[in-house]
Protein backbone atom coordinates (compact mmCIF):
# COMPACT_ATOMS: atom_id res chain seq x y z
CA MET A 1 43.09 -8.54 -50.07
CA GLU A 2 41.23 -8.61 -53.57
CA PRO A 3 42.93 -6.75 -56.40
CA ASN A 4 41.66 -3.35 -57.47
CA GLN A 5 40.05 -2.49 -54.21
CA GLN A 6 40.03 1.20 -53.13
CA ILE A 7 41.32 1.18 -49.57
CA PHE A 8 41.58 4.30 -47.39
CA LEU A 9 42.78 4.59 -43.66
CA PRO A 10 41.36 7.89 -42.48
CA PRO A 11 43.72 10.05 -40.47
CA GLU A 12 42.83 10.89 -36.81
CA TRP A 13 41.91 14.46 -37.66
CA TYR A 14 39.09 13.23 -39.94
CA PRO A 15 35.47 13.36 -38.62
CA GLN A 16 35.00 10.50 -36.04
CA SER A 17 31.86 8.60 -34.86
CA GLY A 18 33.43 7.74 -31.58
CA VAL A 19 36.17 6.53 -29.37
CA MET A 20 36.79 3.26 -27.52
CA LEU A 21 38.06 2.98 -23.85
CA THR A 22 39.00 -0.40 -22.24
CA TRP A 23 38.21 0.53 -18.56
CA PRO A 24 40.87 -0.38 -15.93
CA HIS A 25 40.02 -3.17 -13.36
CA LYS A 26 41.59 -4.66 -10.41
CA ASN A 27 42.72 -7.94 -11.93
CA SER A 28 45.45 -6.26 -13.75
CA ASP A 29 48.52 -4.24 -13.16
CA TRP A 30 46.46 -1.40 -12.06
CA ILE A 31 45.51 -3.08 -8.84
CA ASP A 32 47.51 -0.74 -6.63
CA LEU A 33 46.46 2.28 -8.68
CA ILE A 34 42.78 1.55 -9.42
CA ASP A 35 41.33 4.64 -7.99
CA GLU A 36 43.83 6.99 -9.35
CA VAL A 37 43.63 5.47 -12.86
CA GLU A 38 39.77 5.55 -12.81
CA ASN A 39 39.90 9.27 -12.14
CA CYS A 40 42.03 9.67 -15.22
CA PHE A 41 39.63 7.62 -17.36
CA ILE A 42 36.66 9.54 -16.09
CA LEU A 43 38.34 12.76 -17.26
CA ILE A 44 39.17 11.30 -20.64
CA ALA A 45 35.64 9.77 -20.95
CA ASN A 46 33.87 12.94 -20.07
CA GLU A 47 35.71 15.07 -22.69
CA ILE A 48 35.04 12.64 -25.37
CA LEU A 49 31.26 12.25 -24.34
CA LYS A 50 30.89 15.95 -24.99
CA GLU A 51 31.89 15.74 -28.59
CA GLU A 52 30.93 12.19 -29.86
CA LYS A 53 30.11 8.52 -28.93
CA LEU A 54 32.17 6.74 -26.52
CA ILE A 55 32.43 2.95 -26.29
CA VAL A 56 33.30 1.75 -22.81
CA VAL A 57 34.49 -1.94 -22.62
CA SER A 58 34.42 -3.37 -19.21
CA LYS A 59 33.43 -6.50 -17.22
CA ASP A 60 31.13 -4.27 -15.16
CA PRO A 61 30.09 -1.46 -17.55
CA VAL A 62 27.10 -0.30 -15.53
CA SER A 63 29.21 0.49 -12.66
CA VAL A 64 31.45 2.43 -15.03
CA SER A 65 28.47 4.48 -16.32
CA ARG A 66 27.48 5.72 -12.73
CA LYS A 67 30.93 7.38 -12.52
CA LEU A 68 30.54 9.35 -15.66
CA ASP A 69 28.70 12.90 -16.25
CA SER A 70 25.17 11.87 -16.17
CA SER A 71 24.25 14.60 -18.59
CA LEU A 72 26.34 13.11 -21.21
CA LEU A 73 25.10 9.45 -21.04
CA ASN A 74 23.22 9.72 -24.41
CA ASN A 75 26.59 9.28 -26.25
CA LEU A 76 27.76 6.40 -24.11
CA ILE A 77 27.75 2.77 -25.54
CA LEU A 78 28.40 0.08 -22.82
CA VAL A 79 30.08 -3.25 -23.75
CA GLN A 80 30.30 -6.06 -21.28
CA LEU A 81 33.65 -7.91 -22.21
CA ASP A 82 36.51 -9.01 -20.13
CA ALA A 83 40.04 -7.61 -21.08
CA ASN A 84 43.57 -8.25 -19.78
CA ASP A 85 44.43 -4.63 -19.83
CA THR A 86 43.40 -1.05 -20.84
CA TRP A 87 45.61 -0.30 -24.00
CA ALA A 88 42.82 0.13 -26.59
CA ARG A 89 45.16 1.76 -29.10
CA ASP A 90 46.92 -1.59 -29.49
CA HIS A 91 44.03 -4.15 -29.01
CA GLY A 92 41.32 -2.09 -30.75
CA ALA A 93 40.28 -2.39 -34.33
CA LEU A 94 41.44 -0.10 -37.03
CA GLY A 95 38.65 1.41 -39.10
CA VAL A 96 39.27 1.72 -42.91
CA TRP A 97 37.10 2.30 -45.93
CA ILE A 98 37.16 -0.37 -48.77
CA ASN A 99 35.21 0.76 -51.83
CA HIS A 100 33.60 3.36 -49.77
CA LEU A 101 32.30 0.84 -47.34
CA PRO A 102 33.39 0.84 -43.57
CA VAL A 103 35.59 -2.08 -42.48
CA LEU A 104 36.95 -3.10 -39.10
CA TYR A 105 40.51 -4.52 -39.48
CA ASP A 106 41.21 -6.99 -36.65
CA PHE A 107 45.09 -7.54 -36.38
CA GLN A 108 46.64 -9.83 -33.91
CA PHE A 109 47.62 -8.19 -30.67
CA ASN A 110 50.17 -10.31 -28.68
CA GLY A 111 51.10 -8.05 -25.77
CA TRP A 112 53.91 -6.16 -27.68
CA GLY A 113 55.97 -9.07 -28.77
CA LEU A 114 54.77 -11.67 -25.99
CA LYS A 115 55.84 -9.38 -23.18
CA PHE A 116 52.35 -9.51 -21.39
CA PRO A 117 49.26 -11.74 -21.43
CA ALA A 118 46.81 -10.60 -24.26
CA CYS A 119 44.49 -13.49 -24.83
CA LEU A 120 41.43 -11.55 -23.72
CA ASP A 121 42.51 -8.32 -25.45
CA ASN A 122 42.90 -10.11 -28.74
CA GLN A 123 39.44 -11.29 -28.83
CA LEU A 124 37.80 -7.85 -28.07
CA THR A 125 37.41 -6.67 -31.62
CA SER A 126 35.61 -9.91 -32.83
CA GLY A 127 33.49 -9.87 -29.68
CA MET A 128 32.46 -6.32 -30.07
CA PHE A 129 31.55 -6.93 -33.83
CA GLY A 130 29.38 -9.86 -32.64
CA LEU A 131 27.38 -7.46 -30.40
CA ASN A 132 26.15 -5.51 -33.30
CA LEU A 133 27.49 -2.20 -31.96
CA PHE A 134 28.46 -0.84 -35.15
CA ASP A 135 26.49 0.60 -38.08
CA ARG A 136 24.85 -2.14 -40.04
CA GLN A 137 27.03 -1.32 -42.95
CA VAL A 138 30.23 -2.04 -41.16
CA ARG A 139 32.11 -5.19 -42.19
CA TYR A 140 34.74 -7.26 -40.09
CA LYS A 141 38.01 -8.41 -41.60
CA ASN A 142 40.08 -11.01 -39.80
CA LEU A 143 43.82 -10.09 -40.11
CA LEU A 144 44.97 -12.15 -37.17
CA SER A 145 47.94 -13.74 -38.99
CA PHE A 146 49.69 -10.41 -38.81
CA VAL A 147 50.70 -8.66 -35.46
CA LEU A 148 50.09 -4.99 -35.70
CA GLU A 149 49.41 -2.44 -33.05
CA GLY A 150 47.56 0.82 -33.73
CA GLY A 151 50.10 2.83 -31.87
CA SER A 152 52.83 1.63 -34.24
CA ILE A 153 51.57 3.32 -37.34
CA GLU A 154 50.52 7.00 -38.32
CA THR A 155 48.97 7.98 -41.48
CA ASP A 156 48.90 11.27 -43.43
CA GLY A 157 45.66 10.30 -45.27
CA LEU A 158 47.40 10.90 -48.64
CA GLY A 159 49.24 7.42 -49.07
CA SER A 160 52.03 7.56 -46.44
CA ILE A 161 52.35 5.66 -43.34
CA LEU A 162 55.05 6.62 -40.73
CA THR A 163 56.43 4.03 -38.29
CA THR A 164 59.57 2.77 -36.63
CA GLU A 165 61.86 -0.06 -37.56
CA GLN A 166 62.37 -0.83 -33.90
CA CYS A 167 58.77 -1.78 -33.50
CA LEU A 168 57.67 -3.40 -36.66
CA LEU A 169 60.91 -5.25 -37.15
CA SER A 170 61.18 -6.31 -33.44
CA PRO A 171 61.26 -10.12 -32.40
CA ASN A 172 58.05 -11.92 -31.63
CA ARG A 173 55.93 -9.93 -33.84
CA ASN A 174 56.16 -10.75 -37.53
CA GLN A 175 59.88 -11.84 -37.48
CA ALA A 176 59.28 -14.45 -40.15
CA LEU A 177 58.94 -11.54 -42.67
CA SER A 178 61.49 -9.18 -43.87
CA LYS A 179 61.20 -5.44 -43.80
CA GLU A 180 60.38 -5.59 -47.59
CA GLU A 181 57.74 -8.07 -47.02
CA ILE A 182 56.22 -6.01 -44.09
CA GLU A 183 56.36 -2.94 -46.11
CA ALA A 184 54.46 -4.76 -49.09
CA TYR A 185 51.84 -6.07 -46.60
CA LEU A 186 51.05 -2.54 -45.36
CA ILE A 187 50.96 -1.07 -48.66
CA LYS A 188 48.44 -3.83 -49.69
CA VAL A 189 46.12 -3.72 -46.68
CA PHE A 190 46.05 0.03 -46.26
CA GLY A 191 46.06 0.94 -49.95
CA ILE A 192 48.96 3.29 -49.41
CA GLN A 193 51.95 4.25 -51.68
CA ARG A 194 54.87 4.07 -49.14
CA VAL A 195 56.07 3.50 -45.67
CA LEU A 196 58.38 6.22 -43.97
CA TRP A 197 60.72 4.20 -41.72
CA LEU A 198 62.29 5.78 -38.67
CA LYS A 199 65.55 4.01 -37.51
CA ASN A 200 66.09 6.28 -34.50
CA GLY A 201 64.00 7.43 -31.58
CA TYR A 202 62.94 5.77 -28.31
CA LEU A 203 61.76 6.59 -24.73
CA ALA A 204 63.19 4.91 -21.71
CA GLY A 205 60.58 2.89 -19.90
CA ASP A 206 58.66 2.09 -23.11
CA ASP A 207 57.29 -1.39 -23.38
CA THR A 208 56.13 -1.04 -27.14
CA ASP A 209 59.44 -0.99 -28.75
CA SER A 210 59.19 2.48 -29.88
CA HIS A 211 55.48 2.99 -30.96
CA ILE A 212 55.35 5.99 -33.24
CA ASP A 213 52.57 7.61 -31.28
CA THR A 214 55.03 8.24 -28.41
CA LEU A 215 57.51 10.02 -30.70
CA ALA A 216 56.12 11.62 -33.93
CA ARG A 217 52.48 12.40 -35.13
CA PHE A 218 50.93 13.42 -38.34
CA CYS A 219 48.72 16.45 -37.34
CA ASN A 220 47.56 17.17 -41.00
CA GLU A 221 48.75 16.08 -44.33
CA LYS A 222 51.90 18.21 -44.18
CA THR A 223 52.64 18.68 -40.57
CA ILE A 224 54.54 16.30 -38.03
CA ALA A 225 54.80 16.99 -34.39
CA TYR A 226 57.65 15.17 -32.77
CA VAL A 227 59.51 14.96 -29.45
CA LYS A 228 62.64 17.13 -29.23
CA CYS A 229 65.28 16.68 -26.59
CA GLU A 230 67.58 19.77 -26.04
CA ASP A 231 69.54 18.54 -22.99
CA PRO A 232 72.86 16.95 -23.98
CA SER A 233 72.98 15.19 -20.65
CA ASP A 234 69.63 13.37 -21.24
CA GLU A 235 69.96 9.76 -22.48
CA HIS A 236 67.64 10.32 -25.31
CA PHE A 237 69.46 13.39 -26.72
CA GLN A 238 71.54 11.52 -29.57
CA GLN A 239 68.68 9.21 -30.60
CA LEU A 240 66.12 12.01 -30.82
CA GLN A 241 68.43 14.25 -32.67
CA ARG A 242 68.99 11.43 -35.25
CA MET A 243 65.26 11.07 -35.41
CA GLU A 244 64.82 14.69 -36.10
CA ASP A 245 67.34 14.55 -38.86
CA GLU A 246 65.46 11.56 -40.37
CA LEU A 247 62.25 13.60 -40.10
CA LYS A 248 63.93 16.55 -41.75
CA ALA A 249 64.86 14.33 -44.63
CA PHE A 250 61.42 13.00 -45.32
CA THR A 251 59.44 14.82 -47.99
CA THR A 252 55.67 14.77 -48.94
CA LEU A 253 54.62 12.66 -51.94
CA GLU A 254 54.91 16.03 -53.72
CA GLY A 255 58.48 16.26 -52.88
CA LEU A 256 58.18 19.03 -50.29
CA PRO A 257 59.76 19.01 -46.69
CA TYR A 258 57.24 18.47 -43.99
CA ASN A 259 56.37 21.20 -41.57
CA LEU A 260 58.05 19.80 -38.36
CA VAL A 261 56.67 21.04 -35.06
CA PRO A 262 58.98 20.18 -32.07
CA LEU A 263 57.27 19.31 -28.75
CA PRO A 264 59.08 19.60 -25.42
CA MET A 265 60.79 16.58 -23.86
CA ALA A 266 58.69 15.87 -20.80
CA VAL A 267 60.41 16.38 -17.45
CA TYR A 268 62.19 13.25 -16.00
CA VAL A 269 59.74 11.06 -14.15
CA GLU A 270 60.81 7.77 -12.33
CA ASP A 271 59.03 5.06 -10.64
CA GLU A 272 59.62 3.77 -7.11
CA GLN A 273 62.43 1.56 -8.21
CA GLY A 274 64.32 4.51 -9.95
CA PHE A 275 63.48 3.55 -13.50
CA ARG A 276 62.50 6.22 -15.94
CA LEU A 277 58.85 6.40 -17.12
CA PRO A 278 57.98 7.18 -20.77
CA ALA A 279 56.20 10.71 -20.32
CA THR A 280 55.47 12.13 -23.65
CA TYR A 281 53.53 15.01 -25.31
CA ALA A 282 53.32 13.20 -28.51
CA ASN A 283 50.69 10.83 -27.24
CA PHE A 284 47.82 13.29 -27.61
CA LEU A 285 44.31 12.27 -29.02
CA ILE A 286 42.52 14.22 -31.75
CA ILE A 287 38.75 14.15 -31.47
CA ASN A 288 36.01 16.10 -33.04
CA ASN A 289 36.62 19.83 -32.20
CA LYS A 290 39.21 19.06 -29.47
CA VAL A 291 42.70 17.78 -29.01
CA LEU A 292 43.13 15.94 -25.53
CA VAL A 293 46.87 16.42 -24.51
CA PRO A 294 48.60 14.38 -21.84
CA CYS A 295 50.02 16.53 -18.95
CA TYR A 296 52.31 15.73 -16.12
CA GLY A 297 52.02 18.45 -13.66
CA THR A 298 55.02 20.54 -14.72
CA PRO A 299 55.56 23.87 -16.51
CA ARG A 300 56.29 22.09 -19.73
CA ASP A 301 52.66 21.01 -19.95
CA GLU A 302 51.78 24.75 -21.00
CA ILE A 303 54.45 24.76 -23.63
CA ALA A 304 53.07 21.65 -25.09
CA LEU A 305 49.57 22.99 -25.12
CA ARG A 306 50.60 26.34 -26.65
CA THR A 307 52.55 24.45 -29.29
CA LEU A 308 49.59 22.19 -30.27
CA GLN A 309 47.13 24.97 -30.20
CA GLN A 310 49.11 26.54 -32.95
CA VAL A 311 49.06 23.39 -34.94
CA PHE A 312 45.30 22.86 -34.34
CA PRO A 313 43.94 26.33 -34.41
CA GLU A 314 40.30 25.32 -34.92
CA ARG A 315 40.29 22.84 -32.03
CA LYS A 316 40.16 23.36 -28.38
CA MET A 317 43.11 22.00 -26.36
CA VAL A 318 42.37 20.03 -23.29
CA GLY A 319 45.08 19.02 -20.92
CA ILE A 320 44.47 15.69 -19.07
CA ASP A 321 46.82 14.72 -16.12
CA CYS A 322 48.17 11.48 -17.16
CA SER A 323 50.82 11.06 -14.54
CA VAL A 324 49.16 7.72 -13.36
CA LEU A 325 49.19 6.19 -16.98
CA ILE A 326 52.97 6.63 -17.24
CA LYS A 327 53.22 4.46 -14.11
CA GLN A 328 52.16 1.59 -16.38
CA HIS A 329 54.34 2.88 -19.30
CA GLY A 330 51.67 4.39 -21.52
CA SER A 331 49.85 7.62 -21.87
CA LEU A 332 46.58 9.28 -23.23
CA HIS A 333 46.53 8.16 -26.86
CA CYS A 334 47.76 4.63 -25.93
CA VAL A 335 44.35 3.97 -23.90
CA THR A 336 41.95 5.25 -26.74
CA MET A 337 41.02 4.03 -30.16
CA GLN A 338 38.92 6.23 -32.58
CA PHE A 339 36.51 5.06 -35.12
CA PRO A 340 35.88 7.04 -38.24
CA ASN A 341 32.59 8.73 -39.12
CA LYS A 342 29.63 6.55 -39.89
CA PHE A 343 31.15 3.47 -37.96
CA LEU A 344 28.86 3.90 -34.96
């Protein structure tokens, strides 16, 4: 990165030009759930199309377009590229502004520390840029020497990034670098002033090594919504209490405590083998005029929706049943990646 550059990573609540979805397909872990997961993606896609542009990446994008609301297709951008899986939050580009010009950051995605194949996913950003989908001013920056997933960082837009030690310091990502070196790199490439590291917090069944977007989210410059566990018998209780204590100790750059908003712990859900699935209400997506909130078919859905409505009074809350997504250990935010205004 050149010295003296002004770099800005827009937070999710800033105006957006569009959102990316990488459509599920049968040649993946979704093979036994393909109809169910497509129905979930259709709900997400139609809600996005009502507000802004939607990029759909698929090996057969025309067939996908036939499944969407025909009255909304003016906002649809179809991209014919092959992918390993559907987790656009982690293989998608991060949009930043450098000296007031839009730039796509292409970090390396290696299947969450070499857990899963990702060779096709890792080529999507460069492939999409080569198709001239983006505004002519948008530039591409190759940062493939550094492993970073979009779900692992949250920004307040004022100079702070929130993340977890368990993810960014985990094996098979950037283990050659120390915590201090990783922090210095983030400060450099994102133009921020500091990194807020969480030492505690996890969800059983999570493949990402505690992505921050499953645990705690910036909702505005001074507010963090986070998962709170109030059941002492739950395996998460102590870890999430410690995480809450860490969040309470954090302050804004002005030295003031953050406004902390607890989200309910999702009801226990397990797979057919009896393993717990990582259901979480923190995995919401902010889009223009709305917040899409993952739901799981329990009364706690309404609690989460009411809580987030208070945090986002000017936006409509839209619940999306994401019960199928957690069967592959992710949720709503995990399958989306937004692009800031003027990128599309």
